[in-house]
């Protein structure tokens, strides 16, 4: 997640805004993931596809049919108003892990580069 943080932070500085997926990409989950991967795959960011998979998720799902995916993270979408938009709210995550693979809640990447688990809320019953 730290490598992805560095790549997205660099993208915002260089391009002046958060990457903007097309309307077609927003309609298709697979195309959207390809968009995010491609946004930071090229120089100067150079983030390879395997960076998008949490090592713990890969270990936990190794050999399990139906558990294959391109990424174990979801990227937050921000508008392209300016390069400060993704920093507007300190608790708005840039990335969130799909699932609780570490036991303390899904990992969340914050705008300051911190990676912390987000505890899952448990429903309280009567």
N, C-alpha and C. Protein backbone atom coordinates (compact mmCIF):
# COMPACT_ATOMS: atom_id res chain seq x y z
N UNK A 1 0.82 -1.19 0.00
CA UNK A 1 0.00 0.00 0.00
C UNK A 1 0.87 1.26 0.00
N UNK A 2 2.02 1.18 0.65
CA UNK A 2 2.91 2.35 0.67
C UNK A 2 3.42 2.70 -0.74
N UNK A 3 3.71 1.67 -1.53
CA UNK A 3 4.14 1.92 -2.91
C UNK A 3 3.03 2.57 -3.72
N UNK A 4 1.81 2.12 -3.52
CA UNK A 4 0.67 2.72 -4.21
C UNK A 4 0.46 4.16 -3.74
N UNK A 5 0.66 4.41 -2.46
CA UNK A 5 0.56 5.78 -1.94
C UNK A 5 1.56 6.69 -2.66
N UNK A 6 2.80 6.24 -2.74
CA UNK A 6 3.83 7.05 -3.38
C UNK A 6 3.49 7.32 -4.84
N UNK A 7 2.99 6.31 -5.54
CA UNK A 7 2.63 6.47 -6.95
C UNK A 7 1.48 7.46 -7.11
N UNK A 8 0.42 7.30 -6.31
CA UNK A 8 -0.72 8.22 -6.43
C UNK A 8 -0.36 9.63 -6.00
N UNK A 9 0.45 9.75 -4.98
CA UNK A 9 0.90 11.07 -4.54
C UNK A 9 1.71 11.75 -5.66
N UNK A 10 2.59 11.00 -6.29
CA UNK A 10 3.38 11.54 -7.40
C UNK A 10 2.48 11.92 -8.56
N UNK A 11 1.50 11.08 -8.86
CA UNK A 11 0.56 11.37 -9.95
C UNK A 11 -0.13 12.71 -9.71
N UNK A 12 -0.60 12.92 -8.48
CA UNK A 12 -1.31 14.15 -8.15
C UNK A 12 -0.39 15.36 -8.31
N UNK A 13 0.86 15.24 -7.89
CA UNK A 13 1.81 16.35 -8.02
C UNK A 13 2.11 16.63 -9.49
N UNK A 14 2.38 15.59 -10.26
CA UNK A 14 2.77 15.77 -11.66
C UNK A 14 1.60 16.20 -12.53
N UNK A 15 0.45 15.53 -12.38
CA UNK A 15 -0.70 15.80 -13.25
C UNK A 15 -1.59 16.93 -12.73
N UNK A 16 -1.48 17.24 -11.44
CA UNK A 16 -2.28 18.32 -10.87
C UNK A 16 -3.67 17.91 -10.44
N UNK A 17 -3.96 16.61 -10.46
CA UNK A 17 -5.28 16.12 -10.05
C UNK A 17 -5.21 14.61 -9.84
N UNK A 18 -6.24 14.06 -9.24
CA UNK A 18 -6.37 12.61 -9.05
C UNK A 18 -6.70 11.98 -10.40
N UNK A 19 -6.24 10.76 -10.67
CA UNK A 19 -6.58 10.10 -11.94
C UNK A 19 -8.10 10.05 -12.14
N UNK A 20 -8.52 10.27 -13.38
CA UNK A 20 -9.95 10.34 -13.69
C UNK A 20 -10.38 9.21 -14.62
N UNK A 21 -11.10 8.21 -14.09
CA UNK A 21 -11.57 7.12 -14.95
C UNK A 21 -12.65 7.61 -15.91
N UNK A 22 -12.73 6.95 -17.04
CA UNK A 22 -13.76 7.29 -18.03
C UNK A 22 -15.12 6.79 -17.56
N UNK A 23 -16.18 7.29 -18.20
CA UNK A 23 -17.53 6.84 -17.87
C UNK A 23 -17.66 5.34 -18.13
N UNK A 24 -17.02 4.85 -19.18
CA UNK A 24 -17.08 3.42 -19.50
C UNK A 24 -16.43 2.59 -18.40
N UNK A 25 -15.32 3.08 -17.87
CA UNK A 25 -14.62 2.36 -16.80
C UNK A 25 -15.47 2.33 -15.53
N UNK A 26 -16.19 3.41 -15.28
CA UNK A 26 -17.03 3.47 -14.08
C UNK A 26 -18.20 2.49 -14.15
N UNK A 27 -18.53 2.04 -15.35
CA UNK A 27 -19.65 1.12 -15.52
C UNK A 27 -19.25 -0.34 -15.40
N UNK A 28 -17.95 -0.63 -15.37
CA UNK A 28 -17.48 -2.01 -15.40
C UNK A 28 -16.35 -2.18 -14.39
N UNK A 29 -16.56 -3.03 -13.41
CA UNK A 29 -15.59 -3.20 -12.33
C UNK A 29 -14.22 -3.62 -12.85
N UNK A 30 -14.17 -4.52 -13.82
CA UNK A 30 -12.90 -4.98 -14.36
C UNK A 30 -12.17 -3.86 -15.11
N UNK A 31 -12.91 -3.10 -15.90
CA UNK A 31 -12.30 -1.97 -16.62
C UNK A 31 -11.81 -0.91 -15.64
N UNK A 32 -12.56 -0.71 -14.57
CA UNK A 32 -12.16 0.29 -13.58
C UNK A 32 -10.85 -0.13 -12.91
N UNK A 33 -10.72 -1.40 -12.56
CA UNK A 33 -9.47 -1.86 -11.95
C UNK A 33 -8.31 -1.73 -12.94
N UNK A 34 -8.55 -2.06 -14.20
CA UNK A 34 -7.51 -1.88 -15.21
C UNK A 34 -7.11 -0.42 -15.33
N UNK A 35 -8.09 0.49 -15.25
CA UNK A 35 -7.77 1.92 -15.31
C UNK A 35 -6.83 2.30 -14.18
N UNK A 36 -7.18 1.90 -12.93
CA UNK A 36 -6.34 2.28 -11.79
C UNK A 36 -4.93 1.72 -11.94
N UNK A 37 -4.84 0.47 -12.37
CA UNK A 37 -3.53 -0.16 -12.54
C UNK A 37 -2.71 0.56 -13.62
N UNK A 38 -3.36 0.87 -14.73
CA UNK A 38 -2.67 1.55 -15.83
C UNK A 38 -2.26 2.97 -15.48
N UNK A 39 -3.04 3.63 -14.62
CA UNK A 39 -2.75 5.02 -14.25
C UNK A 39 -1.37 5.17 -13.62
N UNK A 40 -0.92 4.13 -12.91
CA UNK A 40 0.36 4.22 -12.22
C UNK A 40 1.36 3.14 -12.67
N UNK A 41 1.06 2.49 -13.79
CA UNK A 41 1.96 1.44 -14.29
C UNK A 41 3.12 2.00 -15.11
N UNK A 42 2.92 3.13 -15.73
CA UNK A 42 3.92 3.71 -16.62
C UNK A 42 4.88 4.63 -15.87
N UNK A 43 6.06 4.88 -16.46
CA UNK A 43 6.98 5.85 -15.84
C UNK A 43 6.29 7.20 -15.71
N UNK A 44 6.56 7.92 -14.70
CA UNK A 44 7.60 7.74 -13.69
C UNK A 44 7.15 6.92 -12.48
N UNK A 45 5.92 6.39 -12.49
CA UNK A 45 5.38 5.71 -11.31
C UNK A 45 5.84 4.25 -11.23
N UNK A 46 5.79 3.54 -12.35
CA UNK A 46 6.33 2.17 -12.47
C UNK A 46 5.81 1.18 -11.44
N UNK A 47 4.52 1.17 -11.19
CA UNK A 47 3.94 0.23 -10.23
C UNK A 47 3.51 -1.02 -10.99
N UNK A 48 4.17 -2.15 -10.73
CA UNK A 48 3.79 -3.39 -11.42
C UNK A 48 2.47 -3.94 -10.88
N UNK A 49 1.83 -4.77 -11.69
CA UNK A 49 0.52 -5.32 -11.34
C UNK A 49 0.52 -6.07 -10.00
N UNK A 50 1.60 -6.78 -9.71
CA UNK A 50 1.62 -7.56 -8.46
C UNK A 50 1.57 -6.69 -7.21
N UNK A 51 1.88 -5.40 -7.32
CA UNK A 51 1.81 -4.49 -6.18
C UNK A 51 0.37 -4.32 -5.70
N UNK A 52 -0.57 -4.58 -6.58
CA UNK A 52 -1.98 -4.41 -6.26
C UNK A 52 -2.56 -5.56 -5.43
N UNK A 53 -1.75 -6.55 -5.13
CA UNK A 53 -2.22 -7.68 -4.33
C UNK A 53 -1.55 -7.67 -2.96
N UNK A 54 -2.34 -7.69 -1.92
CA UNK A 54 -1.81 -7.77 -0.58
C UNK A 54 -1.12 -9.13 -0.41
N UNK A 55 0.11 -9.16 0.06
CA UNK A 55 0.80 -10.44 0.26
C UNK A 55 0.03 -11.40 1.19
N UNK A 56 -0.61 -10.87 2.19
CA UNK A 56 -1.39 -11.72 3.10
C UNK A 56 -2.57 -12.33 2.37
N UNK A 57 -3.26 -11.53 1.54
CA UNK A 57 -4.38 -12.06 0.75
C UNK A 57 -3.89 -13.17 -0.18
N UNK A 58 -2.77 -12.95 -0.83
CA UNK A 58 -2.21 -13.97 -1.74
C UNK A 58 -1.91 -15.25 -0.98
N UNK A 59 -1.33 -15.13 0.20
CA UNK A 59 -1.00 -16.31 0.99
C UNK A 59 -2.26 -17.04 1.45
N UNK A 60 -3.26 -16.30 1.91
CA UNK A 60 -4.48 -16.91 2.43
C UNK A 60 -5.33 -17.57 1.35
N UNK A 61 -5.21 -17.08 0.12
CA UNK A 61 -6.06 -17.61 -0.96
C UNK A 61 -5.31 -18.50 -1.93
N UNK A 62 -4.03 -18.74 -1.69
CA UNK A 62 -3.23 -19.56 -2.62
C UNK A 62 -3.90 -20.92 -2.82
N UNK A 63 -4.12 -21.27 -4.08
CA UNK A 63 -4.68 -22.56 -4.44
C UNK A 63 -6.18 -22.69 -4.25
N UNK A 64 -6.84 -21.64 -3.79
CA UNK A 64 -8.29 -21.68 -3.60
C UNK A 64 -8.99 -21.20 -4.86
N UNK A 65 -9.76 -22.07 -5.45
CA UNK A 65 -10.47 -21.74 -6.69
C UNK A 65 -11.52 -20.66 -6.43
N UNK A 66 -11.65 -19.76 -7.38
CA UNK A 66 -12.64 -18.70 -7.28
C UNK A 66 -12.18 -17.50 -6.46
N UNK A 67 -10.98 -17.53 -5.94
CA UNK A 67 -10.48 -16.43 -5.13
C UNK A 67 -9.52 -15.53 -5.90
N UNK A 68 -9.34 -15.80 -7.20
CA UNK A 68 -8.41 -15.02 -8.00
C UNK A 68 -9.00 -13.63 -8.26
N UNK A 69 -8.17 -12.64 -8.19
CA UNK A 69 -8.56 -11.27 -8.53
C UNK A 69 -7.31 -10.51 -8.92
N UNK A 70 -7.50 -9.37 -9.58
CA UNK A 70 -6.35 -8.57 -10.00
C UNK A 70 -5.82 -7.71 -8.87
N UNK A 71 -6.71 -7.36 -7.95
CA UNK A 71 -6.31 -6.47 -6.87
C UNK A 71 -7.03 -6.84 -5.59
N UNK A 72 -6.39 -6.60 -4.49
CA UNK A 72 -7.06 -6.78 -3.20
C UNK A 72 -7.38 -5.42 -2.58
N UNK A 73 -7.36 -4.36 -3.41
CA UNK A 73 -7.65 -3.01 -2.92
C UNK A 73 -8.73 -2.34 -3.77
N UNK A 74 -9.46 -1.44 -3.14
CA UNK A 74 -10.43 -0.58 -3.81
C UNK A 74 -9.87 0.83 -3.74
N UNK A 75 -9.92 1.55 -4.86
CA UNK A 75 -9.39 2.91 -4.91
C UNK A 75 -10.55 3.90 -4.77
N UNK A 76 -10.34 4.94 -3.98
CA UNK A 76 -11.33 6.00 -3.84
C UNK A 76 -11.24 6.93 -5.04
N UNK A 77 -12.38 7.37 -5.51
CA UNK A 77 -12.42 8.29 -6.64
C UNK A 77 -12.59 9.71 -6.11
N UNK A 78 -11.78 10.64 -6.63
CA UNK A 78 -11.89 12.06 -6.29
C UNK A 78 -12.08 12.85 -7.57
N UNK A 79 -12.70 14.04 -7.48
CA UNK A 79 -12.85 14.87 -8.67
C UNK A 79 -11.51 15.50 -9.05
N UNK A 80 -11.48 16.17 -10.17
CA UNK A 80 -10.23 16.74 -10.69
C UNK A 80 -10.16 18.25 -10.48
N UNK A 81 -10.78 18.76 -9.44
CA UNK A 81 -10.77 20.20 -9.20
C UNK A 81 -9.35 20.73 -9.12
N UNK A 82 -8.51 20.12 -8.31
CA UNK A 82 -7.11 20.51 -8.22
C UNK A 82 -6.33 19.44 -7.47
N UNK A 83 -5.05 19.69 -7.29
CA UNK A 83 -4.19 18.69 -6.66
C UNK A 83 -4.40 18.58 -5.14
N UNK A 84 -5.21 19.43 -4.56
CA UNK A 84 -5.48 19.33 -3.12
C UNK A 84 -6.70 18.48 -2.80
N UNK A 85 -7.51 18.17 -3.82
CA UNK A 85 -8.75 17.42 -3.59
C UNK A 85 -8.55 16.13 -2.81
N UNK A 86 -7.58 15.26 -3.14
CA UNK A 86 -7.46 14.02 -2.37
C UNK A 86 -6.98 14.22 -0.93
N UNK A 87 -6.56 15.44 -0.60
CA UNK A 87 -6.09 15.73 0.75
C UNK A 87 -7.14 16.49 1.58
N UNK A 88 -8.28 16.75 0.97
CA UNK A 88 -9.29 17.61 1.60
C UNK A 88 -9.74 17.10 2.97
N UNK A 89 -9.97 15.81 3.08
CA UNK A 89 -10.44 15.24 4.34
C UNK A 89 -9.42 14.24 4.84
N UNK A 90 -8.88 14.46 6.01
CA UNK A 90 -7.78 13.63 6.51
C UNK A 90 -8.18 12.18 6.76
N UNK A 91 -9.45 11.90 6.96
CA UNK A 91 -9.89 10.53 7.20
C UNK A 91 -10.46 9.85 5.95
N UNK A 92 -10.51 10.54 4.83
CA UNK A 92 -11.00 9.94 3.59
C UNK A 92 -9.90 9.05 3.03
N UNK A 93 -10.10 7.74 3.02
CA UNK A 93 -9.02 6.86 2.54
C UNK A 93 -8.79 6.99 1.04
N UNK A 94 -7.56 6.73 0.64
CA UNK A 94 -7.23 6.66 -0.79
C UNK A 94 -7.47 5.25 -1.30
N UNK A 95 -7.13 4.27 -0.47
CA UNK A 95 -7.32 2.87 -0.81
C UNK A 95 -7.90 2.15 0.40
N UNK A 96 -8.67 1.12 0.12
CA UNK A 96 -9.17 0.25 1.18
C UNK A 96 -8.96 -1.19 0.74
N UNK A 97 -8.57 -2.01 1.67
CA UNK A 97 -8.37 -3.42 1.38
C UNK A 97 -9.73 -4.11 1.30
N UNK A 98 -9.84 -5.05 0.39
CA UNK A 98 -11.07 -5.83 0.26
C UNK A 98 -10.99 -6.95 1.28
N UNK A 99 -11.74 -6.84 2.34
CA UNK A 99 -11.75 -7.89 3.35
C UNK A 99 -10.82 -7.62 4.52
N UNK A 100 -11.04 -8.40 5.56
CA UNK A 100 -10.25 -8.30 6.78
C UNK A 100 -9.27 -9.46 6.81
N UNK A 101 -8.13 -9.31 6.16
CA UNK A 101 -7.17 -10.39 6.02
C UNK A 101 -6.12 -10.39 7.13
N UNK A 102 -6.12 -9.34 7.95
CA UNK A 102 -5.10 -9.21 8.98
C UNK A 102 -5.67 -9.35 10.39
N UNK A 103 -7.01 -9.42 10.47
CA UNK A 103 -7.64 -9.68 11.75
C UNK A 103 -8.07 -8.47 12.56
N UNK A 104 -7.69 -7.27 12.15
CA UNK A 104 -8.07 -6.06 12.89
C UNK A 104 -8.99 -5.16 12.08
N UNK A 105 -9.50 -5.65 10.97
CA UNK A 105 -10.29 -4.86 10.04
C UNK A 105 -9.48 -4.62 8.78
N UNK A 106 -10.14 -4.24 7.69
CA UNK A 106 -9.42 -4.00 6.44
C UNK A 106 -8.42 -2.86 6.58
N UNK A 107 -7.29 -2.99 5.92
CA UNK A 107 -6.30 -1.91 5.94
C UNK A 107 -6.80 -0.76 5.09
N UNK A 108 -6.55 0.45 5.57
CA UNK A 108 -6.96 1.68 4.91
C UNK A 108 -5.71 2.54 4.70
N UNK A 109 -5.57 3.10 3.50
CA UNK A 109 -4.47 4.02 3.21
C UNK A 109 -4.99 5.44 3.30
N UNK A 110 -4.45 6.20 4.24
CA UNK A 110 -4.89 7.57 4.49
C UNK A 110 -4.10 8.57 3.63
N UNK A 111 -4.61 9.80 3.48
CA UNK A 111 -3.93 10.81 2.67
C UNK A 111 -2.53 11.19 3.15
N UNK A 112 -2.21 10.90 4.40
CA UNK A 112 -0.87 11.20 4.91
C UNK A 112 0.10 10.03 4.71
N UNK A 113 -0.39 8.95 4.07
CA UNK A 113 0.46 7.79 3.80
C UNK A 113 0.37 6.72 4.88
N UNK A 114 -0.34 7.00 5.96
CA UNK A 114 -0.49 6.01 7.02
C UNK A 114 -1.36 4.85 6.54
N UNK A 115 -0.98 3.64 6.92
CA UNK A 115 -1.77 2.45 6.64
C UNK A 115 -2.20 1.90 7.99
N UNK A 116 -3.52 1.88 8.20
CA UNK A 116 -4.05 1.42 9.47
C UNK A 116 -5.26 0.52 9.23
N UNK A 117 -5.49 -0.42 10.13
CA UNK A 117 -6.72 -1.21 10.00
C UNK A 117 -7.92 -0.36 10.40
N UNK A 118 -9.01 -0.60 9.75
CA UNK A 118 -10.26 0.07 10.09
C UNK A 118 -11.14 -0.97 10.77
N UNK A 119 -11.28 -0.88 12.09
CA UNK A 119 -12.07 -1.90 12.79
C UNK A 119 -13.48 -1.99 12.23
N UNK A 120 -13.91 -3.22 12.05
CA UNK A 120 -15.27 -3.45 11.55
C UNK A 120 -16.26 -3.27 12.68
N UNK A 121 -17.37 -2.65 12.38
CA UNK A 121 -18.41 -2.47 13.37
C UNK A 121 -19.21 -3.75 13.49
N UNK A 122 -19.45 -4.16 14.69
CA UNK A 122 -20.28 -5.35 14.87
C UNK A 122 -21.69 -4.91 15.21
N UNK A 123 -22.66 -5.55 14.61
CA UNK A 123 -24.05 -5.17 14.92
C UNK A 123 -24.38 -5.51 16.37
N UNK A 124 -25.03 -4.59 17.02
CA UNK A 124 -25.41 -4.86 18.40
C UNK A 124 -26.87 -5.27 18.44
N UNK A 125 -27.12 -6.32 19.12
CA UNK A 125 -28.49 -6.83 19.20
C UNK A 125 -29.09 -6.58 20.56
N UNK A 126 -30.39 -6.85 20.69
CA UNK A 126 -31.05 -6.64 21.99
C UNK A 126 -30.59 -7.64 23.03
